[in-house]
Amino acid sequence: LVLGSAGPFERPMAPSTKLRTGARSDEVAEGGSASLDFVPLACAGTGLLCILFVTISLGTHEWVQGTVLQNGQPVEAFVGLGSVTMGGVKSSFSKLCPKGTKHAIPPHFTTTPAAVWCKCEAAGTVGAWLLWLAYLPLWAAVVFTAIEGLAGVAPQAKGFKAQLVGMGLSQRVQNLGLIGCWAFSWLCLFLGLLAYAGSAPDTLGWGTVNFEASFGLARLSFLIVTICTAVLTAKLLRLWQEEQFGEALGDFLESRGVRRGLYLLLFAQLVLFLLVSIANLEWQALIPLFALYYLDTDKANFLVLYVTLSAM
């Protein structure tokens, strides 16, 4: 009788079908989970990218592209927040939309009426104001998030946080203030994009309009701020189980060979989908998450779901 062997009435263990291409998540769990202390610094660095994108959006003149009519001739035009470029010539809305202009667009015209530029001016004004309102607290969010991330390694950052506590600002109050800066920036970005898209004219005189790169960069900033706000909120308020998330991260860090390659390819796919959002939002960006979940848990139904949705 051999101890541990299957008895005559016992069902033998089925061979594992898990993907043996590197370290497993359960193996990582035995050795401990990865630390998530890097999250604030990662969000601070990503926030700097958002600041750069918003700065470019505010300073460029390609929010909307369309075709205007000049004496019956179609001319390509790029609309910014405060001006429009037609045929290489830049004109401000203050000249194209003089005071007292009626905002009703006539049904027939051979030259784009001033009412169209008045609508562009109104959309640009409200969009610019809301983007500026998002821009300033975003700086505060990035700075204080960096201090939060450096508090564990830099004595200066730790001393600054201790001074705030001495002033009566507890750690919870600091966390709520930090989350509030991110949330306010998120809200202003959302309202700015919504107000501009809702106020911009449907046509510049001929055909429809298309949102261009400047609008896309602002939209990309909104998506990144959304992710950072959610992740920071979950970490600072302890809304998730860090052990499980750390184990998933540890599974990636300990993976080798084909498994590591699959992880990197899926992460690259997510980043590329994020960049595609500059031109258009795609729901397919959610599909790689199914494959990542499969790699972490080896639940084959998520692999089938990933392959099926990718082939559609």
C-alpha atoms as a PDB file:
ATOM      1  CA  LEU A   1       0.000   0.000   0.000  1.00  0.00           C
ATOM      2  CA  VAL A   2       1.553   3.262  -1.120  1.00  0.00           C
ATOM      3  CA  LEU A   3       0.501   6.306   0.814  1.00  0.00           C
ATOM      4  CA  GLY A   4      -1.027   9.026  -1.362  1.00  0.00           C
ATOM      5  CA  SER A   5      -1.903   6.715  -4.266  1.00  0.00           C
ATOM      6  CA  ALA A   6      -5.452   6.430  -5.596  1.00  0.00           C
ATOM      7  CA  GLY A   7      -7.516   3.676  -4.006  1.00  0.00           C
ATOM      8  CA  PRO A   8      -9.618   1.168  -5.955  1.00  0.00           C
ATOM      9  CA  PHE A   9     -12.751   3.273  -5.499  1.00  0.00           C
ATOM     10  CA  GLU A  10     -11.108   6.655  -5.902  1.00  0.00           C
ATOM     11  CA  ARG A  11     -11.117   8.692  -9.123  1.00  0.00           C
ATOM     12  CA  PRO A  12      -7.565   9.489 -10.236  1.00  0.00           C
ATOM     13  CA  MET A  13      -6.595  13.126 -10.495  1.00  0.00           C
ATOM     14  CA  ALA A  14      -7.054  14.522 -13.999  1.00  0.00           C
ATOM     15  CA  PRO A  15      -3.975  16.117 -15.488  1.00  0.00           C
ATOM     16  CA  SER A  16      -3.925  19.892 -15.236  1.00  0.00           C
ATOM     17  CA  THR A  17      -4.775  21.799 -18.391  1.00  0.00           C
ATOM     18  CA  LYS A  18      -3.356  25.076 -17.112  1.00  0.00           C
ATOM     19  CA  LEU A  19      -1.007  26.977 -19.333  1.00  0.00           C
ATOM     20  CA  ARG A  20       2.463  25.982 -18.134  1.00  0.00           C
ATOM     21  CA  THR A  21       4.448  28.709 -19.824  1.00  0.00           C
ATOM     22  CA  GLY A  22       5.937  30.399 -16.773  1.00  0.00           C
ATOM     23  CA  ALA A  23       5.253  31.131 -13.136  1.00  0.00           C
ATOM     24  CA  ARG A  24       1.673  30.543 -12.040  1.00  0.00           C
ATOM     25  CA  SER A  25      -0.438  32.967 -10.027  1.00  0.00           C
ATOM     26  CA  ASP A  26      -0.915  30.357  -7.268  1.00  0.00           C
ATOM     27  CA  GLU A  27       2.849  29.858  -7.144  1.00  0.00           C
ATOM     28  CA  VAL A  28       3.327  33.595  -6.777  1.00  0.00           C
ATOM     29  CA  ALA A  29       0.740  33.670  -4.019  1.00  0.00           C
ATOM     30  CA  GLU A  30       2.848  31.248  -2.006  1.00  0.00           C
ATOM     31  CA  GLY A  31       5.802  33.600  -2.190  1.00  0.00           C
ATOM     32  CA  GLY A  32       3.848  36.769  -1.509  1.00  0.00           C
ATOM     33  CA  SER A  33       2.245  39.468  -3.604  1.00  0.00           C
ATOM     34  CA  ALA A  34       3.822  42.439  -5.308  1.00  0.00           C
ATOM     35  CA  SER A  35       3.668  45.821  -3.601  1.00  0.00           C
ATOM     36  CA  LEU A  36       1.322  48.491  -4.933  1.00  0.00           C
ATOM     37  CA  ASP A  37       3.204  51.418  -3.421  1.00  0.00           C
ATOM     38  CA  PHE A  38       4.183  52.484  -6.941  1.00  0.00           C
ATOM     39  CA  VAL A  39       0.587  53.444  -7.822  1.00  0.00           C
ATOM     40  CA  PRO A  40       0.739  57.129  -6.680  1.00  0.00           C
ATOM     41  CA  LEU A  41       4.001  57.791  -8.526  1.00  0.00           C
ATOM     42  CA  ALA A  42       2.679  56.046 -11.641  1.00  0.00           C
ATOM     43  CA  CYS A  43      -0.466  58.184 -11.542  1.00  0.00           C
ATOM     44  CA  ALA A  44       1.614  61.338 -11.017  1.00  0.00           C
ATOM     45  CA  GLY A  45       3.748  60.552 -14.061  1.00  0.00           C
ATOM     46  CA  THR A  46       0.674  59.763 -16.125  1.00  0.00           C
ATOM     47  CA  GLY A  47      -0.917  62.998 -14.920  1.00  0.00           C
ATOM     48  CA  LEU A  48       2.019  64.927 -16.374  1.00  0.00           C
ATOM     49  CA  LEU A  49       1.191  63.390 -19.751  1.00  0.00           C
ATOM     50  CA  CYS A  50      -2.404  64.559 -19.353  1.00  0.00           C
ATOM     51  CA  ILE A  51      -1.179  68.085 -18.590  1.00  0.00           C
ATOM     52  CA  LEU A  52       0.910  67.978 -21.773  1.00  0.00           C
ATOM     53  CA  PHE A  53      -2.056  66.760 -23.827  1.00  0.00           C
ATOM     54  CA  VAL A  54      -4.398  69.427 -22.416  1.00  0.00           C
ATOM     55  CA  THR A  55      -1.762  72.110 -23.056  1.00  0.00           C
ATOM     56  CA  ILE A  56      -1.483  71.013 -26.686  1.00  0.00           C
ATOM     57  CA  SER A  57      -5.278  70.940 -27.024  1.00  0.00           C
ATOM     58  CA  LEU A  58      -5.625  74.472 -25.683  1.00  0.00           C
ATOM     59  CA  GLY A  59      -2.888  75.823 -27.947  1.00  0.00           C
ATOM     60  CA  THR A  60      -3.709  74.172 -31.266  1.00  0.00           C
ATOM     61  CA  HIS A  61      -6.391  74.964 -33.849  1.00  0.00           C
ATOM     62  CA  GLU A  62      -7.623  71.563 -35.008  1.00  0.00           C
ATOM     63  CA  TRP A  63     -10.666  70.777 -32.905  1.00  0.00           C
ATOM     64  CA  VAL A  64     -13.086  70.415 -35.797  1.00  0.00           C
ATOM     65  CA  GLN A  65     -12.509  69.846 -39.504  1.00  0.00           C
ATOM     66  CA  GLY A  66     -15.074  70.680 -42.140  1.00  0.00           C
ATOM     67  CA  THR A  67     -15.735  72.407 -45.450  1.00  0.00           C
ATOM     68  CA  VAL A  68     -16.804  76.044 -45.689  1.00  0.00           C
ATOM     69  CA  LEU A  69     -18.328  77.855 -48.641  1.00  0.00           C
ATOM     70  CA  GLN A  70     -16.678  80.964 -50.035  1.00  0.00           C
ATOM     71  CA  ASN A  71     -18.641  82.450 -52.937  1.00  0.00           C
ATOM     72  CA  GLY A  72     -20.003  79.013 -53.719  1.00  0.00           C
ATOM     73  CA  GLN A  73     -16.594  77.324 -53.637  1.00  0.00           C
ATOM     74  CA  PRO A  74     -15.839  74.617 -51.006  1.00  0.00           C
ATOM     75  CA  VAL A  75     -12.745  75.265 -48.904  1.00  0.00           C
ATOM     76  CA  GLU A  76     -11.343  72.995 -46.197  1.00  0.00           C
ATOM     77  CA  ALA A  77     -11.293  74.574 -42.738  1.00  0.00           C
ATOM     78  CA  PHE A  78      -9.924  73.673 -39.302  1.00  0.00           C
ATOM     79  CA  VAL A  79     -11.723  75.173 -36.329  1.00  0.00           C
ATOM     80  CA  GLY A  80      -9.987  75.943 -33.032  1.00  0.00           C
ATOM     81  CA  LEU A  81     -11.270  77.297 -29.749  1.00  0.00           C
ATOM     82  CA  GLY A  82     -10.893  80.929 -30.792  1.00  0.00           C
ATOM     83  CA  SER A  83     -10.230  80.988 -34.527  1.00  0.00           C
ATOM     84  CA  VAL A  84     -10.605  79.112 -37.791  1.00  0.00           C
ATOM     85  CA  THR A  85      -8.069  78.381 -40.532  1.00  0.00           C
ATOM     86  CA  MET A  86      -9.556  78.420 -44.048  1.00  0.00           C
ATOM     87  CA  GLY A  87      -7.328  77.646 -46.985  1.00  0.00           C
ATOM     88  CA  GLY A  88      -4.244  78.398 -44.893  1.00  0.00           C
ATOM     89  CA  VAL A  89      -5.596  81.770 -43.712  1.00  0.00           C
ATOM     90  CA  LYS A  90      -6.344  82.129 -40.005  1.00  0.00           C
ATOM     91  CA  SER A  91      -9.245  84.314 -38.883  1.00  0.00           C
ATOM     92  CA  SER A  92     -10.523  84.985 -35.373  1.00  0.00           C
ATOM     93  CA  PHE A  93     -14.161  84.467 -34.462  1.00  0.00           C
ATOM     94  CA  SER A  94     -14.419  88.054 -33.224  1.00  0.00           C
ATOM     95  CA  LYS A  95     -14.066  89.225 -36.838  1.00  0.00           C
ATOM     96  CA  LEU A  96     -16.245  86.516 -38.357  1.00  0.00           C
ATOM     97  CA  CYS A  97     -18.988  86.903 -35.746  1.00  0.00           C
ATOM     98  CA  PRO A  98     -19.531  90.637 -35.090  1.00  0.00           C
ATOM     99  CA  LYS A  99     -21.770  91.752 -32.258  1.00  0.00           C
ATOM    100  CA  GLY A 100     -25.469  91.685 -33.047  1.00  0.00           C
ATOM    101  CA  THR A 101     -25.220  88.768 -35.474  1.00  0.00           C
ATOM    102  CA  LYS A 102     -28.373  86.662 -35.595  1.00  0.00           C
ATOM    103  CA  HIS A 103     -27.673  83.063 -34.602  1.00  0.00           C
ATOM    104  CA  ALA A 104     -30.270  81.633 -36.984  1.00  0.00           C
ATOM    105  CA  ILE A 105     -28.624  79.939 -39.968  1.00  0.00           C
ATOM    106  CA  PRO A 106     -30.417  80.736 -43.282  1.00  0.00           C
ATOM    107  CA  PRO A 107     -31.538  77.747 -45.358  1.00  0.00           C
ATOM    108  CA  HIS A 108     -29.750  78.883 -48.544  1.00  0.00           C
ATOM    109  CA  PHE A 109     -26.356  80.586 -48.860  1.00  0.00           C
ATOM    110  CA  THR A 110     -23.268  80.652 -51.066  1.00  0.00           C
ATOM    111  CA  THR A 111     -20.888  81.792 -48.306  1.00  0.00           C
ATOM    112  CA  THR A 112     -20.828  80.280 -44.831  1.00  0.00           C
ATOM    113  CA  PRO A 113     -22.976  82.649 -42.723  1.00  0.00           C
ATOM    114  CA  ALA A 114     -21.682  84.430 -39.632  1.00  0.00           C
ATOM    115  CA  ALA A 115     -24.121  82.461 -37.453  1.00  0.00           C
ATOM    116  CA  VAL A 116     -21.965  79.349 -37.972  1.00  0.00           C
ATOM    117  CA  TRP A 117     -18.906  81.158 -36.614  1.00  0.00           C
ATOM    118  CA  CYS A 118     -20.948  82.441 -33.699  1.00  0.00           C
ATOM    119  CA  LYS A 119     -21.774  78.850 -32.777  1.00  0.00           C
ATOM    120  CA  CYS A 120     -18.103  77.912 -33.094  1.00  0.00           C
ATOM    121  CA  GLU A 121     -17.156  80.845 -30.886  1.00  0.00           C
ATOM    122  CA  ALA A 122     -19.689  79.862 -28.217  1.00  0.00           C
ATOM    123  CA  ALA A 123     -18.519  76.248 -28.238  1.00  0.00           C
ATOM    124  CA  GLY A 124     -14.869  77.285 -28.059  1.00  0.00           C
ATOM    125  CA  THR A 125     -15.472  79.715 -25.189  1.00  0.00           C
ATOM    126  CA  VAL A 126     -17.249  77.247 -22.918  1.00  0.00           C
ATOM    127  CA  GLY A 127     -14.865  74.435 -23.857  1.00  0.00           C
ATOM    128  CA  ALA A 128     -11.776  76.537 -23.156  1.00  0.00           C
ATOM    129  CA  TRP A 129     -13.092  77.733 -19.784  1.00  0.00           C
ATOM    130  CA  LEU A 130     -13.858  74.211 -18.603  1.00  0.00           C
ATOM    131  CA  LEU A 131     -10.510  72.889 -19.838  1.00  0.00           C
ATOM    132  CA  TRP A 132      -8.720  75.626 -17.917  1.00  0.00           C
ATOM    133  CA  LEU A 133     -10.740  74.720 -14.835  1.00  0.00           C
ATOM    134  CA  ALA A 134      -9.521  71.126 -15.274  1.00  0.00           C
ATOM    135  CA  TYR A 135      -5.952  72.197 -16.044  1.00  0.00           C
ATOM    136  CA  LEU A 136      -5.192  74.034 -12.793  1.00  0.00           C
ATOM    137  CA  PRO A 137      -6.362  71.413 -10.245  1.00  0.00           C
ATOM    138  CA  LEU A 138      -4.695  68.747 -12.380  1.00  0.00           C
ATOM    139  CA  TRP A 139      -1.348  70.359 -11.540  1.00  0.00           C
ATOM    140  CA  ALA A 140      -2.237  70.234  -7.839  1.00  0.00           C
ATOM    141  CA  ALA A 141      -3.331  66.610  -8.184  1.00  0.00           C
ATOM    142  CA  VAL A 142      -0.046  65.627  -9.851  1.00  0.00           C
ATOM    143  CA  VAL A 143       2.131  67.436  -7.278  1.00  0.00           C
ATOM    144  CA  PHE A 144       0.363  66.066  -4.205  1.00  0.00           C
ATOM    145  CA  THR A 145       0.138  62.586  -5.731  1.00  0.00           C
ATOM    146  CA  ALA A 146       3.910  62.644  -6.292  1.00  0.00           C
ATOM    147  CA  ILE A 147       4.413  63.701  -2.652  1.00  0.00           C
ATOM    148  CA  GLU A 148       2.178  60.829  -1.543  1.00  0.00           C
ATOM    149  CA  GLY A 149       4.228  58.385  -3.596  1.00  0.00           C
ATOM    150  CA  LEU A 150       7.582  59.749  -2.398  1.00  0.00           C
ATOM    151  CA  ALA A 151       6.606  59.818   1.286  1.00  0.00           C
ATOM    152  CA  GLY A 152       7.919  56.290   1.779  1.00  0.00           C
ATOM    153  CA  VAL A 153      11.360  56.921   0.233  1.00  0.00           C
ATOM    154  CA  ALA A 154      12.073  60.669   0.467  1.00  0.00           C
ATOM    155  CA  PRO A 155      12.468  62.278   3.923  1.00  0.00           C
ATOM    156  CA  GLN A 156      11.428  65.679   2.544  1.00  0.00           C
ATOM    157  CA  ALA A 157       8.074  64.349   1.312  1.00  0.00           C
ATOM    158  CA  LYS A 158       7.502  62.481   4.577  1.00  0.00           C
ATOM    159  CA  GLY A 159       8.322  65.652   6.546  1.00  0.00           C
ATOM    160  CA  PHE A 160       5.915  67.711   4.443  1.00  0.00           C
ATOM    161  CA  LYS A 161       3.095  65.257   5.118  1.00  0.00           C
ATOM    162  CA  ALA A 162       3.966  65.348   8.832  1.00  0.00           C
ATOM    163  CA  GLN A 163       3.661  69.149   8.747  1.00  0.00           C
ATOM    164  CA  LEU A 164       0.195  68.822   7.214  1.00  0.00           C
ATOM    165  CA  VAL A 165      -0.797  66.437  10.005  1.00  0.00           C
ATOM    166  CA  GLY A 166       0.540  68.955  12.540  1.00  0.00           C
ATOM    167  CA  MET A 167      -1.717  71.582  10.967  1.00  0.00           C
ATOM    168  CA  GLY A 168      -4.732  69.386  11.696  1.00  0.00           C
ATOM    169  CA  LEU A 169      -4.980  67.688   8.289  1.00  0.00           C
ATOM    170  CA  SER A 170      -5.157  63.984   9.053  1.00  0.00           C
ATOM    171  CA  GLN A 171      -4.081  61.352   6.548  1.00  0.00           C
ATOM    172  CA  ARG A 172      -7.705  60.685   5.646  1.00  0.00           C
ATOM    173  CA  VAL A 173      -8.331  64.380   4.996  1.00  0.00           C
ATOM    174  CA  GLN A 174      -5.213  64.509   2.800  1.00  0.00           C
ATOM    175  CA  ASN A 175      -6.413  61.467   0.863  1.00  0.00           C
ATOM    176  CA  LEU A 176      -9.853  62.987   0.340  1.00  0.00           C
ATOM    177  CA  GLY A 177      -8.323  66.278  -0.800  1.00  0.00           C
ATOM    178  CA  LEU A 178      -6.079  64.437  -3.259  1.00  0.00           C
ATOM    179  CA  ILE A 179      -8.996  62.446  -4.645  1.00  0.00           C
ATOM    180  CA  GLY A 180     -11.025  65.657  -4.828  1.00  0.00           C
ATOM    181  CA  CYS A 181      -8.407  67.308  -7.086  1.00  0.00           C
ATOM    182  CA  TRP A 182      -8.463  64.366  -9.470  1.00  0.00           C
ATOM    183  CA  ALA A 183     -12.257  64.157  -9.402  1.00  0.00           C
ATOM    184  CA  PHE A 184     -12.688  67.901 -10.057  1.00  0.00           C
ATOM    185  CA  SER A 185     -10.313  67.714 -13.037  1.00  0.00           C
ATOM    186  CA  TRP A 186     -12.214  64.685 -14.318  1.00  0.00           C
ATOM    187  CA  LEU A 187     -15.548  66.500 -14.002  1.00  0.00           C
ATOM    188  CA  CYS A 188     -14.293  69.632 -15.795  1.00  0.00           C
ATOM    189  CA  LEU A 189     -12.770  67.573 -18.614  1.00  0.00           C
ATOM    190  CA  PHE A 190     -16.007  65.646 -19.019  1.00  0.00           C
ATOM    191  CA  LEU A 191     -18.156  68.786 -19.030  1.00  0.00           C
ATOM    192  CA  GLY A 192     -15.749  70.580 -21.368  1.00  0.00           C
ATOM    193  CA  LEU A 193     -15.819  67.809 -23.955  1.00  0.00           C
ATOM    194  CA  LEU A 194     -19.571  67.392 -23.584  1.00  0.00           C
ATOM    195  CA  ALA A 195     -20.266  71.135 -23.894  1.00  0.00           C
ATOM    196  CA  TYR A 196     -18.022  71.548 -26.925  1.00  0.00           C
ATOM    197  CA  ALA A 197     -19.407  68.534 -28.751  1.00  0.00           C
ATOM    198  CA  GLY A 198     -22.967  69.663 -28.022  1.00  0.00           C
ATOM    199  CA  SER A 199     -22.411  73.319 -28.983  1.00  0.00           C
ATOM    200  CA  ALA A 200     -20.282  72.928 -32.116  1.00  0.00           C
ATOM    201  CA  PRO A 201     -22.200  73.292 -35.410  1.00  0.00           C
ATOM    202  CA  ASP A 202     -23.080  70.200 -37.421  1.00  0.00           C
ATOM    203  CA  THR A 203     -21.767  71.783 -40.608  1.00  0.00           C
ATOM    204  CA  LEU A 204     -19.482  74.617 -41.649  1.00  0.00           C
ATOM    205  CA  GLY A 205     -21.480  75.201 -44.800  1.00  0.00           C
ATOM    206  CA  TRP A 206     -20.874  72.060 -46.829  1.00  0.00           C
ATOM    207  CA  GLY A 207     -21.181  68.501 -45.560  1.00  0.00           C
ATOM    208  CA  THR A 208     -20.634  67.427 -41.965  1.00  0.00           C
ATOM    209  CA  VAL A 209     -17.839  68.126 -39.505  1.00  0.00           C
ATOM    210  CA  ASN A 210     -15.328  65.764 -37.904  1.00  0.00           C
ATOM    211  CA  PHE A 211     -13.580  66.077 -34.564  1.00  0.00           C
ATOM    212  CA  GLU A 212      -9.857  66.427 -35.045  1.00  0.00           C
ATOM    213  CA  ALA A 213      -6.642  65.726 -33.093  1.00  0.00           C
ATOM    214  CA  SER A 214      -6.995  68.492 -30.500  1.00  0.00           C
ATOM    215  CA  PHE A 215     -10.390  67.181 -29.424  1.00  0.00           C
ATOM    216  CA  GLY A 216      -8.963  63.655 -29.464  1.00  0.00           C
ATOM    217  CA  LEU A 217      -6.054  64.602 -27.188  1.00  0.00           C
ATOM    218  CA  ALA A 218      -8.480  66.148 -24.702  1.00  0.00           C
ATOM    219  CA  ARG A 219     -10.562  62.971 -24.871  1.00  0.00           C
ATOM    220  CA  LEU A 220      -7.451  60.840 -24.292  1.00  0.00           C
ATOM    221  CA  SER A 221      -6.618  62.996 -21.255  1.00  0.00           C
ATOM    222  CA  PHE A 222     -10.124  62.407 -19.953  1.00  0.00           C
ATOM    223  CA  LEU A 223      -9.741  58.629 -20.266  1.00  0.00           C
ATOM    224  CA  ILE A 224      -6.357  58.653 -18.510  1.00  0.00           C
ATOM    225  CA  VAL A 225      -7.635  60.881 -15.705  1.00  0.00           C
ATOM    226  CA  THR A 226     -10.601  58.531 -15.320  1.00  0.00           C
ATOM    227  CA  ILE A 227      -8.287  55.539 -14.846  1.00  0.00           C
ATOM    228  CA  CYS A 228      -5.951  57.385 -12.456  1.00  0.00           C
ATOM    229  CA  THR A 229      -8.848  58.730 -10.376  1.00  0.00           C
ATOM    230  CA  ALA A 230     -10.382  55.268 -10.035  1.00  0.00           C
ATOM    231  CA  VAL A 231      -7.093  53.553  -9.162  1.00  0.00           C
ATOM    232  CA  LEU A 232      -6.031  56.204  -6.630  1.00  0.00           C
ATOM    233  CA  THR A 233      -9.458  56.241  -5.011  1.00  0.00           C
ATOM    234  CA  ALA A 234      -9.405  52.476  -4.648  1.00  0.00           C
ATOM    235  CA  LYS A 235      -5.909  52.519  -3.140  1.00  0.00           C
ATOM    236  CA  LEU A 236      -6.181  55.485  -0.794  1.00  0.00           C
ATOM    237  CA  LEU A 237      -9.620  54.526   0.533  1.00  0.00           C
ATOM    238  CA  ARG A 238      -8.805  50.787   0.522  1.00  0.00           C
ATOM    239  CA  LEU A 239     -11.739  49.896  -1.704  1.00  0.00           C
ATOM    240  CA  TRP A 240     -10.018  46.838  -3.126  1.00  0.00           C
ATOM    241  CA  GLN A 241      -8.170  43.852  -1.695  1.00  0.00           C
ATOM    242  CA  GLU A 242      -4.572  44.780  -2.386  1.00  0.00           C
ATOM    243  CA  GLU A 243      -3.403  41.232  -1.718  1.00  0.00           C
ATOM    244  CA  GLN A 244      -5.357  39.821  -4.645  1.00  0.00           C
ATOM    245  CA  PHE A 245      -4.377  42.654  -6.960  1.00  0.00           C
ATOM    246  CA  GLY A 246      -0.773  42.287  -5.813  1.00  0.00           C
ATOM    247  CA  GLU A 247      -0.874  38.570  -6.556  1.00  0.00           C
ATOM    248  CA  ALA A 248      -2.098  39.289 -10.081  1.00  0.00           C
ATOM    249  CA  LEU A 249       0.733  41.787 -10.539  1.00  0.00           C
ATOM    250  CA  GLY A 250       3.177  39.302  -9.059  1.00  0.00           C
ATOM    251  CA  ASP A 251       2.006  36.704 -11.566  1.00  0.00           C
ATOM    252  CA  PHE A 252       3.063  39.050 -14.351  1.00  0.00           C
ATOM    253  CA  LEU A 253       6.387  39.952 -12.721  1.00  0.00           C
ATOM    254  CA  GLU A 254       7.282  36.305 -12.132  1.00  0.00           C
ATOM    255  CA  SER A 255       6.135  35.068 -15.538  1.00  0.00           C
ATOM    256  CA  ARG A 256       8.674  33.831 -18.043  1.00  0.00           C
ATOM    257  CA  GLY A 257       8.848  32.754 -21.658  1.00  0.00           C
ATOM    258  CA  VAL A 258       5.633  32.522 -23.636  1.00  0.00           C
ATOM    259  CA  ARG A 259       3.531  33.648 -20.684  1.00  0.00           C
ATOM    260  CA  ARG A 260       5.511  36.881 -20.310  1.00  0.00           C
ATOM    261  CA  GLY A 261       5.232  37.450 -24.056  1.00  0.00           C
ATOM    262  CA  LEU A 262       1.452  37.064 -23.925  1.00  0.00           C
ATOM    263  CA  TYR A 263       1.236  39.558 -21.086  1.00  0.00           C
ATOM    264  CA  LEU A 264       3.344  42.103 -22.973  1.00  0.00           C
ATOM    265  CA  LEU A 265       1.333  41.685 -26.168  1.00  0.00           C
ATOM    266  CA  LEU A 266      -1.945  42.234 -24.317  1.00  0.00           C
ATOM    267  CA  PHE A 267      -0.605  45.312 -22.521  1.00  0.00           C
ATOM    268  CA  ALA A 268       0.608  46.673 -25.854  1.00  0.00           C
ATOM    269  CA  GLN A 269      -2.854  46.026 -27.303  1.00  0.00           C
ATOM    270  CA  LEU A 270      -4.440  48.026 -24.465  1.00  0.00           C
ATOM    271  CA  VAL A 271      -2.038  50.938 -24.997  1.00  0.00           C
ATOM    272  CA  LEU A 272      -2.731  50.972 -28.739  1.00  0.00           C
ATOM    273  CA  PHE A 273      -6.489  50.979 -28.122  1.00  0.00           C
ATOM    274  CA  LEU A 274      -5.939  53.909 -25.766  1.00  0.00           C
ATOM    275  CA  LEU A 275      -4.112  55.807 -28.513  1.00  0.00           C
ATOM    276  CA  VAL A 276      -6.882  54.966 -30.980  1.00  0.00           C
ATOM    277  CA  SER A 277      -9.237  56.935 -28.713  1.00  0.00           C
ATOM    278  CA  ILE A 278      -7.660  60.116 -30.128  1.00  0.00           C
ATOM    279  CA  ALA A 279      -9.575  59.387 -33.341  1.00  0.00           C
ATOM    280  CA  ASN A 280     -12.479  57.322 -32.040  1.00  0.00           C
ATOM    281  CA  LEU A 281     -13.591  55.370 -28.965  1.00  0.00           C
ATOM    282  CA  GLU A 282     -13.724  51.613 -29.532  1.00  0.00           C
ATOM    283  CA  TRP A 283     -15.498  49.163 -27.243  1.00  0.00           C
ATOM    284  CA  GLN A 284     -13.059  46.489 -28.418  1.00  0.00           C
ATOM    285  CA  ALA A 285     -10.552  47.961 -25.951  1.00  0.00           C
ATOM    286  CA  LEU A 286     -12.259  45.851 -23.273  1.00  0.00           C
ATOM    287  CA  ILE A 287     -11.522  42.547 -25.037  1.00  0.00           C
ATOM    288  CA  PRO A 288      -7.847  42.201 -23.911  1.00  0.00           C
ATOM    289  CA  LEU A 289      -9.048  42.330 -20.296  1.00  0.00           C
ATOM    290  CA  PHE A 290     -10.681  38.918 -20.793  1.00  0.00           C
ATOM    291  CA  ALA A 291      -7.369  37.465 -21.938  1.00  0.00           C
ATOM    292  CA  LEU A 292      -5.523  39.038 -18.990  1.00  0.00           C
ATOM    293  CA  TYR A 293      -8.045  37.531 -16.610  1.00  0.00           C
ATOM    294  CA  TYR A 294      -7.532  34.144 -18.273  1.00  0.00           C
ATOM    295  CA  LEU A 295      -3.766  34.367 -17.818  1.00  0.00           C
ATOM    296  CA  ASP A 296      -4.223  35.139 -14.134  1.00  0.00           C
ATOM    297  CA  THR A 297      -6.885  32.521 -13.347  1.00  0.00           C
ATOM    298  CA  ASP A 298      -6.618  29.956 -16.174  1.00  0.00           C
ATOM    299  CA  LYS A 299     -10.397  29.953 -16.622  1.00  0.00           C
ATOM    300  CA  ALA A 300     -10.727  28.688 -20.178  1.00  0.00           C
ATOM    301  CA  ASN A 301     -14.111  30.321 -20.808  1.00  0.00           C
ATOM    302  CA  PHE A 302     -12.441  33.747 -20.763  1.00  0.00           C
ATOM    303  CA  LEU A 303      -9.949  32.548 -23.375  1.00  0.00           C
ATOM    304  CA  VAL A 304     -12.839  31.377 -25.558  1.00  0.00           C
ATOM    305  CA  LEU A 305     -14.559  34.738 -25.019  1.00  0.00           C
ATOM    306  CA  TYR A 306     -11.400  36.638 -26.012  1.00  0.00           C
ATOM    307  CA  VAL A 307     -10.856  34.577 -29.166  1.00  0.00           C
ATOM    308  CA  THR A 308     -14.530  34.768 -30.179  1.00  0.00           C
ATOM    309  CA  LEU A 309     -14.830  38.550 -29.705  1.00  0.00           C
ATOM    310  CA  SER A 310     -11.481  39.169 -31.437  1.00  0.00           C
ATOM    311  CA  ALA A 311     -12.645  37.181 -34.460  1.00  0.00           C
ATOM    312  CA  MET A 312     -15.957  39.032 -34.752  1.00  0.00           C
END
